[in-house]
C-alpha atoms as a PDB file:
ATOM      1  CA  MET A   1      21.271  41.428 -33.680  1.00  0.00           C
ATOM      2  CA  ASN A   2      17.552  41.013 -34.246  1.00  0.00           C
ATOM      3  CA  ILE A   3      16.786  41.089 -37.941  1.00  0.00           C
ATOM      4  CA  GLY A   4      13.363  41.063 -39.619  1.00  0.00           C
ATOM      5  CA  LEU A   5      12.536  40.618 -43.228  1.00  0.00           C
ATOM      6  CA  ILE A   6       9.149  41.226 -44.828  1.00  0.00           C
ATOM      7  CA  ILE A   7       8.367  39.454 -48.084  1.00  0.00           C
ATOM      8  CA  VAL A   8       5.394  40.806 -50.050  1.00  0.00           C
ATOM      9  CA  LEU A   9       4.000  38.015 -52.188  1.00  0.00           C
ATOM     10  CA  ASN A  10       2.176  38.850 -55.416  1.00  0.00           C
ATOM     11  CA  TYR A  11       2.272  35.247 -56.523  1.00  0.00           C
ATOM     12  CA  GLN A  12      -0.557  34.053 -58.805  1.00  0.00           C
ATOM     13  CA  GLN A  13       1.076  30.963 -60.293  1.00  0.00           C
ATOM     14  CA  GLU A  14       0.380  27.408 -59.260  1.00  0.00           C
ATOM     15  CA  GLN A  15       4.131  26.629 -59.034  1.00  0.00           C
ATOM     16  CA  PHE A  16       4.865  28.290 -55.719  1.00  0.00           C
ATOM     17  CA  PRO A  17       8.442  27.646 -54.587  1.00  0.00           C
ATOM     18  CA  SER A  18       7.551  26.515 -51.041  1.00  0.00           C
ATOM     19  CA  GLY A  19      10.303  23.826 -50.830  1.00  0.00           C
ATOM     20  CA  ARG A  20      13.014  26.299 -51.713  1.00  0.00           C
ATOM     21  CA  LEU A  21      11.615  28.810 -49.240  1.00  0.00           C
ATOM     22  CA  ILE A  22      11.568  26.260 -46.419  1.00  0.00           C
ATOM     23  CA  ASP A  23      15.135  25.309 -47.155  1.00  0.00           C
ATOM     24  CA  LEU A  24      16.180  29.083 -46.950  1.00  0.00           C
ATOM     25  CA  PHE A  25      14.146  29.800 -43.805  1.00  0.00           C
ATOM     26  CA  ARG A  26      15.393  26.699 -41.830  1.00  0.00           C
ATOM     27  CA  LYS A  27      18.961  27.677 -42.457  1.00  0.00           C
ATOM     28  CA  GLU A  28      18.476  31.093 -41.000  1.00  0.00           C
ATOM     29  CA  HIS A  29      17.557  31.221 -37.197  1.00  0.00           C
ATOM     30  CA  ASN A  30      18.422  34.881 -36.499  1.00  0.00           C
ATOM     31  CA  ILE A  31      15.999  36.349 -38.997  1.00  0.00           C
ATOM     32  CA  GLN A  32      12.292  36.668 -38.407  1.00  0.00           C
ATOM     33  CA  PHE A  33      10.426  36.401 -41.705  1.00  0.00           C
ATOM     34  CA  CYS A  34       7.023  37.863 -42.358  1.00  0.00           C
ATOM     35  CA  LEU A  35       5.244  36.639 -45.448  1.00  0.00           C
ATOM     36  CA  LEU A  36       2.618  39.066 -46.614  1.00  0.00           C
ATOM     37  CA  ASN A  37      -0.131  37.381 -48.558  1.00  0.00           C
ATOM     38  CA  ARG A  38      -1.842  39.920 -50.794  1.00  0.00           C
ATOM     39  CA  ASN A  39      -5.175  38.229 -51.527  1.00  0.00           C
ATOM     40  CA  ASN A  40      -3.555  35.406 -53.546  1.00  0.00           C
ATOM     41  CA  LYS A  41      -5.279  32.210 -54.458  1.00  0.00           C
ATOM     42  CA  GLU A  42      -6.319  29.688 -51.825  1.00  0.00           C
ATOM     43  CA  PHE A  43      -3.603  27.341 -53.018  1.00  0.00           C
ATOM     44  CA  ILE A  44      -0.845  29.872 -52.125  1.00  0.00           C
ATOM     45  CA  LEU A  45      -2.288  30.460 -48.685  1.00  0.00           C
ATOM     46  CA  ASP A  46      -2.206  26.746 -48.072  1.00  0.00           C
ATOM     47  CA  GLN A  47       1.448  26.679 -49.133  1.00  0.00           C
ATOM     48  CA  LEU A  48       2.276  29.606 -46.876  1.00  0.00           C
ATOM     49  CA  SER A  49       0.515  27.747 -43.938  1.00  0.00           C
ATOM     50  CA  PHE A  50       2.671  24.723 -44.641  1.00  0.00           C
ATOM     51  CA  ILE A  51       5.771  26.936 -44.545  1.00  0.00           C
ATOM     52  CA  THR A  52       4.877  28.445 -41.170  1.00  0.00           C
ATOM     53  CA  ASP A  53       4.189  24.976 -39.797  1.00  0.00           C
ATOM     54  CA  SER A  54       7.591  23.836 -41.026  1.00  0.00           C
ATOM     55  CA  CYS A  55       9.639  26.874 -39.827  1.00  0.00           C
ATOM     56  CA  ASP A  56       9.578  28.530 -36.442  1.00  0.00           C
ATOM     57  CA  ASN A  57      10.877  31.876 -37.654  1.00  0.00           C
ATOM     58  CA  VAL A  58       8.133  32.621 -40.303  1.00  0.00           C
ATOM     59  CA  ASN A  59       4.765  34.403 -39.884  1.00  0.00           C
ATOM     60  CA  ILE A  60       1.995  35.089 -42.217  1.00  0.00           C
ATOM     61  CA  VAL A  61       0.058  38.358 -42.532  1.00  0.00           C
ATOM     62  CA  ASN A  62      -2.957  37.929 -44.759  1.00  0.00           C
ATOM     63  CA  ILE A  63      -4.155  41.102 -46.429  1.00  0.00           C
ATOM     64  CA  ARG A  64      -7.675  40.713 -47.794  1.00  0.00           C
ATOM     65  CA  LYS A  65      -7.928  44.179 -49.302  1.00  0.00           C
ATOM     66  CA  ASN A  66      -6.323  44.822 -52.606  1.00  0.00           C
ATOM     67  CA  GLN A  67      -3.754  47.267 -51.503  1.00  0.00           C
ATOM     68  CA  ASP A  68      -0.605  48.496 -53.330  1.00  0.00           C
ATOM     69  CA  ASN A  69       2.790  47.196 -52.151  1.00  0.00           C
ATOM     70  CA  ASN A  70       3.564  50.282 -49.983  1.00  0.00           C
ATOM     71  CA  LEU A  71       0.493  49.759 -47.860  1.00  0.00           C
ATOM     72  CA  ALA A  72       1.208  46.009 -47.590  1.00  0.00           C
ATOM     73  CA  VAL A  73       4.734  46.775 -46.413  1.00  0.00           C
ATOM     74  CA  ARG A  74       3.371  49.165 -43.797  1.00  0.00           C
ATOM     75  CA  ALA A  75       0.972  46.471 -42.527  1.00  0.00           C
ATOM     76  CA  GLY A  76       3.955  44.098 -42.318  1.00  0.00           C
ATOM     77  CA  VAL A  77       6.025  46.735 -40.425  1.00  0.00           C
ATOM     78  CA  ARG A  78       3.247  47.203 -37.916  1.00  0.00           C
ATOM     79  CA  PHE A  79       3.054  43.464 -37.331  1.00  0.00           C
ATOM     80  CA  MET A  80       6.821  42.992 -37.011  1.00  0.00           C
ATOM     81  CA  GLN A  81       7.208  45.949 -34.725  1.00  0.00           C
ATOM     82  CA  SER A  82       4.518  44.761 -32.368  1.00  0.00           C
ATOM     83  CA  ALA A  83       5.534  41.090 -32.396  1.00  0.00           C
ATOM     84  CA  PHE A  84       9.324  41.300 -32.157  1.00  0.00           C
ATOM     85  CA  ASN A  85      12.062  43.614 -30.797  1.00  0.00           C
ATOM     86  CA  LEU A  86      13.979  44.245 -33.979  1.00  0.00           C
ATOM     87  CA  ASN A  87      17.153  46.194 -34.632  1.00  0.00           C
ATOM     88  CA  PHE A  88      16.797  46.062 -38.443  1.00  0.00           C
ATOM     89  CA  LEU A  89      13.823  45.567 -40.717  1.00  0.00           C
ATOM     90  CA  GLY A  90      13.904  45.151 -44.485  1.00  0.00           C
ATOM     91  CA  TYR A  91      11.587  44.065 -47.209  1.00  0.00           C
ATOM     92  CA  ILE A  92      11.431  42.357 -50.581  1.00  0.00           C
ATOM     93  CA  VAL A  93       8.540  42.763 -52.993  1.00  0.00           C
ATOM     94  CA  ASP A  94       7.870  39.764 -55.332  1.00  0.00           C
ATOM     95  CA  ASP A  95       6.962  41.396 -58.653  1.00  0.00           C
ATOM     96  CA  GLN A  96       6.454  39.343 -61.690  1.00  0.00           C
ATOM     97  CA  ASP A  97       9.525  40.782 -63.366  1.00  0.00           C
ATOM     98  CA  ASN A  98      12.106  39.978 -60.737  1.00  0.00           C
ATOM     99  CA  ASP A  99      13.448  36.813 -59.115  1.00  0.00           C
ATOM    100  CA  PHE A 100      12.833  37.517 -55.388  1.00  0.00           C
ATOM    101  CA  LEU A 101      14.344  34.183 -54.389  1.00  0.00           C
ATOM    102  CA  SER A 102      17.775  35.077 -55.707  1.00  0.00           C
ATOM    103  CA  GLU A 103      17.513  38.457 -53.906  1.00  0.00           C
ATOM    104  CA  LEU A 104      16.544  36.690 -50.741  1.00  0.00           C
ATOM    105  CA  GLU A 105      19.492  34.272 -51.071  1.00  0.00           C
ATOM    106  CA  VAL A 106      21.874  37.233 -51.546  1.00  0.00           C
ATOM    107  CA  PHE A 107      20.511  38.982 -48.469  1.00  0.00           C
ATOM    108  CA  ILE A 108      20.767  35.819 -46.308  1.00  0.00           C
ATOM    109  CA  LEU A 109      24.371  35.239 -47.463  1.00  0.00           C
ATOM    110  CA  HIS A 110      25.486  38.814 -46.912  1.00  0.00           C
ATOM    111  CA  GLN A 111      23.060  39.931 -44.184  1.00  0.00           C
ATOM    112  CA  GLU A 112      25.731  41.242 -41.754  1.00  0.00           C
ATOM    113  CA  GLU A 113      27.398  43.400 -44.355  1.00  0.00           C
ATOM    114  CA  ILE A 114      24.116  44.759 -45.772  1.00  0.00           C
ATOM    115  CA  VAL A 115      22.767  45.480 -42.331  1.00  0.00           C
ATOM    116  CA  SER A 116      25.982  47.197 -41.105  1.00  0.00           C
ATOM    117  CA  MET A 117      26.104  49.357 -44.278  1.00  0.00           C
ATOM    118  CA  HIS A 118      22.475  50.433 -43.885  1.00  0.00           C
ATOM    119  CA  LEU A 119      22.791  51.082 -40.210  1.00  0.00           C
ATOM    120  CA  ALA A 120      25.873  53.228 -40.745  1.00  0.00           C
ATOM    121  CA  SER A 121      24.059  55.318 -43.328  1.00  0.00           C
ATOM    122  CA  VAL A 122      21.119  55.741 -40.900  1.00  0.00           C
ATOM    123  CA  ARG A 123      23.435  56.817 -38.140  1.00  0.00           C
ATOM    124  CA  SER A 124      25.062  59.444 -40.332  1.00  0.00           C
ATOM    125  CA  LYS A 125      21.840  61.404 -40.610  1.00  0.00           C
ATOM    126  CA  ARG A 126      21.406  64.458 -38.540  1.00  0.00           C
ATOM    127  CA  ILE A 127      17.775  63.804 -37.567  1.00  0.00           C
ATOM    128  CA  LYS A 128      16.987  60.507 -35.967  1.00  0.00           C
ATOM    129  CA  PRO A 129      14.692  58.664 -38.371  1.00  0.00           C
ATOM    130  CA  THR A 130      11.554  56.820 -37.231  1.00  0.00           C
ATOM    131  CA  PHE A 131      11.312  53.025 -37.376  1.00  0.00           C
ATOM    132  CA  LEU A 132       9.480  53.233 -40.715  1.00  0.00           C
ATOM    133  CA  GLN A 133      12.066  55.591 -42.210  1.00  0.00           C
ATOM    134  CA  LYS A 134      14.826  53.105 -41.275  1.00  0.00           C
ATOM    135  CA  LEU A 135      13.146  50.373 -43.363  1.00  0.00           C
ATOM    136  CA  LEU A 136      15.328  49.136 -46.145  1.00  0.00           C
ATOM    137  CA  SER A 137      14.223  47.873 -49.562  1.00  0.00           C
ATOM    138  CA  ILE A 138      16.558  44.985 -50.195  1.00  0.00           C
ATOM    139  CA  GLN A 139      15.950  45.178 -53.962  1.00  0.00           C
ATOM    140  CA  VAL A 140      16.798  48.857 -54.162  1.00  0.00           C
ATOM    141  CA  PHE A 141      19.888  48.421 -51.920  1.00  0.00           C
ATOM    142  CA  LEU A 142      21.236  45.586 -54.047  1.00  0.00           C
ATOM    143  CA  LYS A 143      20.584  47.539 -57.254  1.00  0.00           C
ATOM    144  CA  ASN A 144      22.294  50.651 -55.912  1.00  0.00           C
ATOM    145  CA  HIS A 145      25.271  48.736 -54.551  1.00  0.00           C
ATOM    146  CA  GLN A 146      25.857  46.593 -57.615  1.00  0.00           C
ATOM    147  CA  LEU A 147      24.294  43.209 -57.066  1.00  0.00           C
ATOM    148  CA  GLU A 148      27.487  41.556 -58.473  1.00  0.00           C
ATOM    149  CA  GLN A 149      29.359  42.799 -55.379  1.00  0.00           C
ATOM    150  CA  PHE A 150      27.116  40.600 -53.190  1.00  0.00           C
ATOM    151  CA  LYS A 151      26.965  37.477 -55.473  1.00  0.00           C
ATOM    152  CA  PRO A 152      28.161  34.233 -53.875  1.00  0.00           C
END
Protein backbone atom coordinates (compact mmCIF):
# COMPACT_ATOMS: atom_id res chain seq x y z
CA MET A 1 0.00 0.00 0.00
CA ASN A 2 1.30 3.43 -0.89
CA ILE A 3 1.21 5.70 2.16
CA GLY A 4 1.99 9.40 2.28
CA LEU A 5 2.47 11.60 5.32
CA ILE A 6 2.62 15.39 5.32
CA ILE A 7 4.38 17.07 8.23
CA VAL A 8 3.71 20.80 8.62
CA LEU A 9 6.66 22.37 10.40
CA ASN A 10 6.12 25.51 12.44
CA TYR A 11 9.54 25.17 14.00
CA GLN A 12 11.26 28.37 15.13
CA GLN A 13 13.82 26.96 17.55
CA GLU A 14 17.50 26.43 16.79
CA GLN A 15 17.40 22.88 18.19
CA PHE A 16 15.73 21.13 15.28
CA PRO A 17 15.56 17.32 15.76
CA SER A 18 17.03 16.45 12.34
CA GLY A 19 18.97 13.41 13.60
CA ARG A 20 15.88 11.87 15.16
CA LEU A 21 13.84 12.54 12.01
CA ILE A 22 16.49 10.96 9.79
CA ASP A 23 16.46 7.84 11.97
CA LEU A 24 12.66 7.60 11.71
CA PHE A 25 12.57 8.23 7.97
CA ARG A 26 15.35 5.76 7.14
CA LYS A 27 13.53 2.94 8.98
CA GLU A 28 10.36 3.41 6.96
CA HIS A 29 10.65 2.76 3.24
CA ASN A 30 6.98 2.35 2.34
CA ILE A 31 5.95 5.84 3.48
CA GLN A 32 6.54 8.95 1.39
CA PHE A 33 7.13 11.94 3.66
CA CYS A 34 6.49 15.55 2.70
CA LEU A 35 7.98 18.17 5.00
CA LEU A 36 6.20 21.49 4.66
CA ASN A 37 8.45 24.37 5.58
CA ARG A 38 6.25 27.33 6.54
CA ASN A 39 8.65 30.23 6.10
CA ASN A 40 10.90 29.07 8.92
CA LYS A 41 14.39 30.35 9.59
CA GLU A 42 17.17 29.66 7.09
CA PHE A 43 18.77 27.29 9.59
CA ILE A 44 15.68 25.07 9.53
CA LEU A 45 15.62 25.01 5.72
CA ASP A 46 19.28 23.90 5.73
CA GLN A 47 18.40 21.11 8.17
CA LEU A 48 15.49 20.01 5.99
CA SER A 49 17.75 19.95 2.93
CA PHE A 50 20.17 17.76 4.87
CA ILE A 51 17.30 15.39 5.72
CA THR A 52 16.19 15.08 2.09
CA ASP A 53 19.78 14.42 1.01
CA SER A 54 20.02 11.65 3.62
CA CYS A 55 16.65 9.98 2.95
CA ASP A 56 15.17 8.92 -0.39
CA ASN A 57 11.56 8.99 0.79
CA VAL A 58 11.47 12.62 1.99
CA ASN A 59 10.53 15.74 0.01
CA ILE A 60 10.37 19.40 1.00
CA VAL A 61 7.68 21.85 0.00
CA ASN A 62 8.71 25.39 0.90
CA ILE A 63 5.81 27.77 1.45
CA ARG A 64 7.00 31.35 1.42
CA LYS A 65 3.65 32.92 2.15
CA ASN A 66 2.54 33.04 5.75
CA GLN A 67 -0.47 30.74 5.40
CA ASP A 68 -2.45 28.98 8.07
CA ASN A 69 -1.99 25.26 8.64
CA ASN A 70 -5.03 24.24 6.55
CA LEU A 71 -3.74 26.01 3.45
CA ALA A 72 -0.29 24.55 4.04
CA VAL A 73 -1.76 21.04 4.25
CA ARG A 74 -3.66 21.64 1.00
CA ALA A 75 -0.40 22.63 -0.70
CA GLY A 76 1.17 19.42 0.58
CA VAL A 77 -1.79 17.37 -0.66
CA ARG A 78 -1.48 18.88 -4.14
CA PHE A 79 2.23 18.07 -4.22
CA MET A 80 1.82 14.50 -2.94
CA GLN A 81 -1.09 13.78 -5.24
CA SER A 82 0.82 14.95 -8.30
CA ALA A 83 4.14 13.32 -7.37
CA PHE A 84 3.00 9.90 -6.09
CA ASN A 85 0.24 7.36 -6.56
CA LEU A 86 -0.98 7.11 -2.96
CA ASN A 87 -3.72 4.99 -1.41
CA PHE A 88 -3.58 6.85 1.90
CA LEU A 89 -2.52 10.34 2.91
CA GLY A 90 -2.31 11.74 6.42
CA TYR A 91 -0.80 14.78 8.04
CA ILE A 92 0.73 15.97 11.30
CA VAL A 93 0.99 19.63 12.28
CA ASP A 94 3.90 20.65 14.48
CA ASP A 95 2.37 23.07 16.96
CA GLN A 96 4.37 24.44 19.82
CA ASP A 97 2.11 22.69 22.36
CA ASN A 98 2.44 19.13 21.09
CA ASP A 99 5.23 16.66 20.55
CA PHE A 100 4.86 15.79 16.89
CA LEU A 101 7.80 13.38 17.04
CA SER A 102 6.03 11.05 19.47
CA GLU A 103 2.89 11.16 17.30
CA LEU A 104 5.03 10.40 14.25
CA GLU A 105 6.62 7.43 16.03
CA VAL A 106 3.21 6.09 17.05
CA PHE A 107 1.95 6.40 13.47
CA ILE A 108 5.00 4.62 12.07
CA LEU A 109 4.68 1.80 14.61
CA HIS A 110 0.94 1.29 14.05
CA GLN A 111 0.56 2.48 10.48
CA GLU A 112 -1.20 -0.63 9.15
CA GLU A 113 -3.79 -0.60 11.93
CA ILE A 114 -4.41 3.16 11.67
CA VAL A 115 -4.67 3.12 7.87
CA SER A 116 -7.02 0.12 7.83
CA MET A 117 -9.28 1.70 10.49
CA HIS A 118 -9.43 4.96 8.56
CA LEU A 119 -10.03 3.33 5.18
CA ALA A 120 -12.81 1.21 6.68
CA SER A 121 -14.54 4.33 7.96
CA VAL A 122 -14.14 6.02 4.56
CA ARG A 123 -15.62 2.99 2.75
CA SER A 124 -18.63 2.94 5.07
CA LYS A 125 -19.80 6.36 3.86
CA ARG A 126 -22.59 6.49 1.29
CA ILE A 127 -21.07 9.16 -0.91
CA LYS A 128 -17.59 8.53 -2.24
CA PRO A 129 -15.33 11.19 -0.71
CA THR A 130 -12.76 13.12 -2.70
CA PHE A 131 -9.06 12.62 -2.12
CA LEU A 132 -8.93 15.70 0.08
CA GLN A 133 -11.90 14.49 2.15
CA LYS A 134 -10.10 11.18 2.76
CA LEU A 135 -7.16 13.04 4.29
CA LEU A 136 -6.53 12.00 7.89
CA SER A 137 -5.22 14.18 10.70
CA ILE A 138 -3.03 11.77 12.62
CA GLN A 139 -3.23 13.91 15.77
CA VAL A 140 -7.04 13.99 15.78
CA PHE A 141 -7.20 10.27 15.03
CA LEU A 142 -4.87 9.39 17.90
CA LYS A 143 -6.77 11.70 20.27
CA ASN A 144 -10.15 10.21 19.28
CA HIS A 145 -8.93 6.62 19.52
CA GLN A 146 -7.12 6.99 22.83
CA LEU A 147 -3.42 7.47 22.20
CA GLU A 148 -2.66 4.91 24.94
CA GLN A 149 -4.15 2.18 22.74
CA PHE A 150 -1.38 2.82 20.21
CA LYS A 151 1.54 3.29 22.60
CA PRO A 152 4.48 0.90 22.08
